[in-house]
């Protein structure tokens, strides 16, 4: 009788390259139901992790990805409400989360370090996908890509001519 021996070899995962700060075109890829989670001393709430693929390649030629947590609620003040609004243009009364997969959007990424000093790319904001071409910057416009994308107009008044 021949017996075979099974081995299980584990190694630490290599840290993934994190997306640099900026605004990126992105695709909603998937979601995970994390069950009830409590954060910051608040009561536990049903929580989802939402995964987005970014339209930017890392040093290995693979697309960056980023995720964000959201309470599983479509209440108008919830984070998920604003995400669904950006992805669909409106928020339905009932939502099958798989209907969001493949939807385009833009994400604003920042980087932060955790308590162990590891660097993480965080999704700060999720915006609707741009459907109109970028226009040229008008004269006197204070250009800041985040402000411009948010729709604020900070056009400077025309210079007064000395007559």
C-alpha atoms as a PDB file:
ATOM      1  CA  UNK A   1       0.000   0.000   0.000  1.00  0.00           C
ATOM      2  CA  UNK A   2       1.386   3.334  -1.035  1.00  0.00           C
ATOM      3  CA  UNK A   3       0.716   6.388   1.020  1.00  0.00           C
ATOM      4  CA  UNK A   4       1.069   9.868  -0.321  1.00  0.00           C
ATOM      5  CA  UNK A   5       2.011  12.760   1.810  1.00  0.00           C
ATOM      6  CA  UNK A   6       0.314  16.128   1.214  1.00  0.00           C
ATOM      7  CA  UNK A   7       2.152  19.328   1.819  1.00  0.00           C
ATOM      8  CA  UNK A   8       0.724  22.753   2.305  1.00  0.00           C
ATOM      9  CA  UNK A   9       3.218  25.530   1.737  1.00  0.00           C
ATOM     10  CA  UNK A  10       2.148  29.045   2.612  1.00  0.00           C
ATOM     11  CA  UNK A  11       3.932  32.308   2.025  1.00  0.00           C
ATOM     12  CA  UNK A  12       3.182  35.913   2.855  1.00  0.00           C
ATOM     13  CA  UNK A  13       1.351  37.702   0.050  1.00  0.00           C
ATOM     14  CA  UNK A  14       3.444  40.235  -1.812  1.00  0.00           C
ATOM     15  CA  UNK A  15       2.187  43.781  -1.379  1.00  0.00           C
ATOM     16  CA  UNK A  16       0.225  44.994  -4.383  1.00  0.00           C
ATOM     17  CA  UNK A  17       1.205  48.180  -6.127  1.00  0.00           C
ATOM     18  CA  UNK A  18      -1.285  50.896  -5.203  1.00  0.00           C
ATOM     19  CA  UNK A  19      -2.818  53.325  -7.690  1.00  0.00           C
ATOM     20  CA  UNK A  20      -1.333  56.814  -7.492  1.00  0.00           C
ATOM     21  CA  UNK A  21      -3.605  59.698  -6.436  1.00  0.00           C
ATOM     22  CA  UNK A  22      -5.743  61.139  -9.225  1.00  0.00           C
ATOM     23  CA  UNK A  23      -8.988  60.913 -11.154  1.00  0.00           C
ATOM     24  CA  UNK A  24      -9.461  57.714 -13.174  1.00  0.00           C
ATOM     25  CA  UNK A  25     -12.007  56.182 -15.482  1.00  0.00           C
ATOM     26  CA  UNK A  26     -13.195  53.021 -13.773  1.00  0.00           C
ATOM     27  CA  UNK A  27     -15.537  50.059 -14.087  1.00  0.00           C
ATOM     28  CA  UNK A  28     -17.620  48.568 -11.297  1.00  0.00           C
ATOM     29  CA  UNK A  29     -16.371  44.975 -11.251  1.00  0.00           C
ATOM     30  CA  UNK A  30     -17.956  43.190  -8.307  1.00  0.00           C
ATOM     31  CA  UNK A  31     -19.108  43.361  -4.713  1.00  0.00           C
ATOM     32  CA  UNK A  32     -18.688  41.292  -1.571  1.00  0.00           C
ATOM     33  CA  UNK A  33     -21.258  40.961   1.185  1.00  0.00           C
ATOM     34  CA  UNK A  34     -19.212  41.334   4.381  1.00  0.00           C
ATOM     35  CA  UNK A  35     -22.192  40.752   6.657  1.00  0.00           C
ATOM     36  CA  UNK A  36     -22.697  42.854   9.778  1.00  0.00           C
ATOM     37  CA  UNK A  37     -19.702  45.123  10.497  1.00  0.00           C
ATOM     38  CA  UNK A  38     -19.207  47.678  13.269  1.00  0.00           C
ATOM     39  CA  UNK A  39     -16.928  50.680  12.706  1.00  0.00           C
ATOM     40  CA  UNK A  40     -15.943  53.591  14.907  1.00  0.00           C
ATOM     41  CA  UNK A  41     -18.042  52.543  17.889  1.00  0.00           C
ATOM     42  CA  UNK A  42     -21.299  52.542  15.887  1.00  0.00           C
ATOM     43  CA  UNK A  43     -23.759  49.658  15.827  1.00  0.00           C
ATOM     44  CA  UNK A  44     -23.047  46.846  13.356  1.00  0.00           C
ATOM     45  CA  UNK A  45     -24.640  47.335   9.928  1.00  0.00           C
ATOM     46  CA  UNK A  46     -24.815  45.186   6.787  1.00  0.00           C
ATOM     47  CA  UNK A  47     -21.701  46.128   4.814  1.00  0.00           C
ATOM     48  CA  UNK A  48     -20.551  45.660   1.220  1.00  0.00           C
ATOM     49  CA  UNK A  49     -17.083  45.917  -0.312  1.00  0.00           C
ATOM     50  CA  UNK A  50     -17.342  47.355  -3.836  1.00  0.00           C
ATOM     51  CA  UNK A  51     -14.523  46.579  -6.307  1.00  0.00           C
ATOM     52  CA  UNK A  52     -13.562  48.881  -9.178  1.00  0.00           C
ATOM     53  CA  UNK A  53     -11.077  48.337 -11.999  1.00  0.00           C
ATOM     54  CA  UNK A  54      -9.178  51.474 -12.975  1.00  0.00           C
ATOM     55  CA  UNK A  55      -8.207  52.451 -16.502  1.00  0.00           C
ATOM     56  CA  UNK A  56      -4.527  52.712 -15.526  1.00  0.00           C
ATOM     57  CA  UNK A  57      -1.771  50.122 -15.780  1.00  0.00           C
ATOM     58  CA  UNK A  58       0.671  49.301 -13.003  1.00  0.00           C
ATOM     59  CA  UNK A  59       4.373  48.560 -13.540  1.00  0.00           C
ATOM     60  CA  UNK A  60       3.551  44.923 -14.460  1.00  0.00           C
ATOM     61  CA  UNK A  61       1.097  45.990 -17.183  1.00  0.00           C
ATOM     62  CA  UNK A  62      -1.970  44.982 -15.146  1.00  0.00           C
ATOM     63  CA  UNK A  63      -4.882  47.286 -14.404  1.00  0.00           C
ATOM     64  CA  UNK A  64      -4.964  48.865 -10.964  1.00  0.00           C
ATOM     65  CA  UNK A  65      -7.958  48.053  -8.806  1.00  0.00           C
ATOM     66  CA  UNK A  66      -9.427  49.752  -5.766  1.00  0.00           C
ATOM     67  CA  UNK A  67     -12.305  49.047  -3.438  1.00  0.00           C
ATOM     68  CA  UNK A  68     -14.489  50.899  -0.986  1.00  0.00           C
ATOM     69  CA  UNK A  69     -16.827  49.902   1.833  1.00  0.00           C
ATOM     70  CA  UNK A  70     -20.471  50.944   1.932  1.00  0.00           C
ATOM     71  CA  UNK A  71     -23.432  50.173   4.140  1.00  0.00           C
ATOM     72  CA  UNK A  72     -25.942  47.998   2.287  1.00  0.00           C
ATOM     73  CA  UNK A  73     -28.607  50.709   2.245  1.00  0.00           C
ATOM     74  CA  UNK A  74     -30.163  52.822  -0.498  1.00  0.00           C
ATOM     75  CA  UNK A  75     -31.192  55.563   1.947  1.00  0.00           C
ATOM     76  CA  UNK A  76     -30.669  58.956   0.302  1.00  0.00           C
ATOM     77  CA  UNK A  77     -27.876  59.870   2.753  1.00  0.00           C
ATOM     78  CA  UNK A  78     -26.003  56.573   2.354  1.00  0.00           C
ATOM     79  CA  UNK A  79     -22.722  56.139   0.521  1.00  0.00           C
ATOM     80  CA  UNK A  80     -24.234  53.364  -1.612  1.00  0.00           C
ATOM     81  CA  UNK A  81     -27.012  55.734  -2.735  1.00  0.00           C
ATOM     82  CA  UNK A  82     -24.469  58.191  -4.184  1.00  0.00           C
ATOM     83  CA  UNK A  83     -22.503  55.364  -5.821  1.00  0.00           C
ATOM     84  CA  UNK A  84     -25.609  53.902  -7.476  1.00  0.00           C
ATOM     85  CA  UNK A  85     -26.624  57.395  -8.606  1.00  0.00           C
ATOM     86  CA  UNK A  86     -23.200  57.858 -10.251  1.00  0.00           C
ATOM     87  CA  UNK A  87     -23.382  54.443 -11.950  1.00  0.00           C
ATOM     88  CA  UNK A  88     -27.031  54.427 -13.074  1.00  0.00           C
ATOM     89  CA  UNK A  89     -28.087  58.087 -13.112  1.00  0.00           C
ATOM     90  CA  UNK A  90     -30.954  57.343 -10.710  1.00  0.00           C
ATOM     91  CA  UNK A  91     -31.551  55.128  -7.690  1.00  0.00           C
ATOM     92  CA  UNK A  92     -34.253  52.447  -8.023  1.00  0.00           C
ATOM     93  CA  UNK A  93     -36.463  51.367  -5.111  1.00  0.00           C
ATOM     94  CA  UNK A  94     -34.980  47.842  -5.357  1.00  0.00           C
ATOM     95  CA  UNK A  95     -31.567  46.966  -6.713  1.00  0.00           C
ATOM     96  CA  UNK A  96     -29.891  43.753  -7.808  1.00  0.00           C
ATOM     97  CA  UNK A  97     -26.231  44.624  -7.159  1.00  0.00           C
ATOM     98  CA  UNK A  98     -25.108  42.449 -10.082  1.00  0.00           C
ATOM     99  CA  UNK A  99     -26.892  44.954 -12.378  1.00  0.00           C
ATOM    100  CA  UNK A 100     -24.085  47.426 -11.573  1.00  0.00           C
ATOM    101  CA  UNK A 101     -21.317  45.150 -12.860  1.00  0.00           C
ATOM    102  CA  UNK A 102     -19.588  46.577 -15.926  1.00  0.00           C
ATOM    103  CA  UNK A 103     -20.950  50.107 -15.367  1.00  0.00           C
ATOM    104  CA  UNK A 104     -18.520  52.934 -16.086  1.00  0.00           C
ATOM    105  CA  UNK A 105     -17.687  55.788 -13.733  1.00  0.00           C
ATOM    106  CA  UNK A 106     -14.802  57.981 -12.582  1.00  0.00           C
ATOM    107  CA  UNK A 107     -13.117  57.640  -9.214  1.00  0.00           C
ATOM    108  CA  UNK A 108     -10.961  60.038  -7.240  1.00  0.00           C
ATOM    109  CA  UNK A 109      -8.135  58.132  -5.574  1.00  0.00           C
ATOM    110  CA  UNK A 110      -6.005  59.290  -2.646  1.00  0.00           C
ATOM    111  CA  UNK A 111      -3.326  57.387  -0.763  1.00  0.00           C
ATOM    112  CA  UNK A 112      -3.143  56.875   2.990  1.00  0.00           C
ATOM    113  CA  UNK A 113      -0.957  54.856   5.323  1.00  0.00           C
ATOM    114  CA  UNK A 114      -2.420  52.497   7.915  1.00  0.00           C
ATOM    115  CA  UNK A 115      -1.156  51.929  11.479  1.00  0.00           C
ATOM    116  CA  UNK A 116       1.492  49.485  10.192  1.00  0.00           C
ATOM    117  CA  UNK A 117       2.804  52.039   7.685  1.00  0.00           C
ATOM    118  CA  UNK A 118       1.388  50.248   4.616  1.00  0.00           C
ATOM    119  CA  UNK A 119       0.270  52.483   1.760  1.00  0.00           C
ATOM    120  CA  UNK A 120      -3.302  52.056   0.489  1.00  0.00           C
ATOM    121  CA  UNK A 121      -5.178  53.607  -2.422  1.00  0.00           C
ATOM    122  CA  UNK A 122      -8.533  54.889  -1.191  1.00  0.00           C
ATOM    123  CA  UNK A 123     -11.543  55.780  -3.273  1.00  0.00           C
ATOM    124  CA  UNK A 124     -12.555  59.218  -2.004  1.00  0.00           C
ATOM    125  CA  UNK A 125     -15.340  59.908  -4.496  1.00  0.00           C
ATOM    126  CA  UNK A 126     -17.197  58.088  -7.246  1.00  0.00           C
ATOM    127  CA  UNK A 127     -18.479  60.268 -10.085  1.00  0.00           C
ATOM    128  CA  UNK A 128     -20.602  59.513 -13.127  1.00  0.00           C
ATOM    129  CA  UNK A 129     -18.722  58.644 -16.310  1.00  0.00           C
ATOM    130  CA  UNK A 130     -17.962  61.604 -18.537  1.00  0.00           C
ATOM    131  CA  UNK A 131     -20.245  61.598 -21.511  1.00  0.00           C
ATOM    132  CA  UNK A 132     -19.203  64.917 -22.983  1.00  0.00           C
ATOM    133  CA  UNK A 133     -15.804  65.743 -24.448  1.00  0.00           C
ATOM    134  CA  UNK A 134     -13.490  67.991 -22.447  1.00  0.00           C
ATOM    135  CA  UNK A 135     -13.674  71.580 -23.618  1.00  0.00           C
ATOM    136  CA  UNK A 136     -10.653  73.828 -23.588  1.00  0.00           C
ATOM    137  CA  UNK A 137     -10.063  75.874 -20.469  1.00  0.00           C
ATOM    138  CA  UNK A 138     -11.636  79.345 -20.828  1.00  0.00           C
ATOM    139  CA  UNK A 139      -9.389  82.380 -20.288  1.00  0.00           C
ATOM    140  CA  UNK A 140      -9.179  83.361 -16.623  1.00  0.00           C
ATOM    141  CA  UNK A 141     -10.305  79.946 -15.343  1.00  0.00           C
ATOM    142  CA  UNK A 142      -8.464  78.746 -12.250  1.00  0.00           C
ATOM    143  CA  UNK A 143      -7.723  75.216 -13.401  1.00  0.00           C
ATOM    144  CA  UNK A 144      -7.925  72.451 -10.855  1.00  0.00           C
ATOM    145  CA  UNK A 145      -9.035  69.098 -12.238  1.00  0.00           C
ATOM    146  CA  UNK A 146     -10.945  68.150  -9.080  1.00  0.00           C
ATOM    147  CA  UNK A 147     -12.802  71.472  -8.928  1.00  0.00           C
ATOM    148  CA  UNK A 148     -13.491  71.431 -12.662  1.00  0.00           C
ATOM    149  CA  UNK A 149     -14.863  67.881 -12.517  1.00  0.00           C
ATOM    150  CA  UNK A 150     -17.063  68.793  -9.555  1.00  0.00           C
ATOM    151  CA  UNK A 151     -18.791  71.410 -11.733  1.00  0.00           C
ATOM    152  CA  UNK A 152     -17.780  74.539  -9.833  1.00  0.00           C
ATOM    153  CA  UNK A 153     -17.097  77.697 -11.832  1.00  0.00           C
ATOM    154  CA  UNK A 154     -14.258  79.804 -10.520  1.00  0.00           C
ATOM    155  CA  UNK A 155     -13.914  82.046 -13.561  1.00  0.00           C
ATOM    156  CA  UNK A 156     -12.007  85.223 -12.785  1.00  0.00           C
ATOM    157  CA  UNK A 157     -13.580  88.530 -13.806  1.00  0.00           C
ATOM    158  CA  UNK A 158     -12.134  90.167 -16.895  1.00  0.00           C
ATOM    159  CA  UNK A 159      -9.295  92.624 -16.249  1.00  0.00           C
ATOM    160  CA  UNK A 160     -10.445  96.196 -16.219  1.00  0.00           C
ATOM    161  CA  UNK A 161      -8.748  98.303 -18.877  1.00  0.00           C
ATOM    162  CA  UNK A 162      -7.468 101.725 -17.792  1.00  0.00           C
ATOM    163  CA  UNK A 163      -9.041 104.219 -20.146  1.00  0.00           C
END
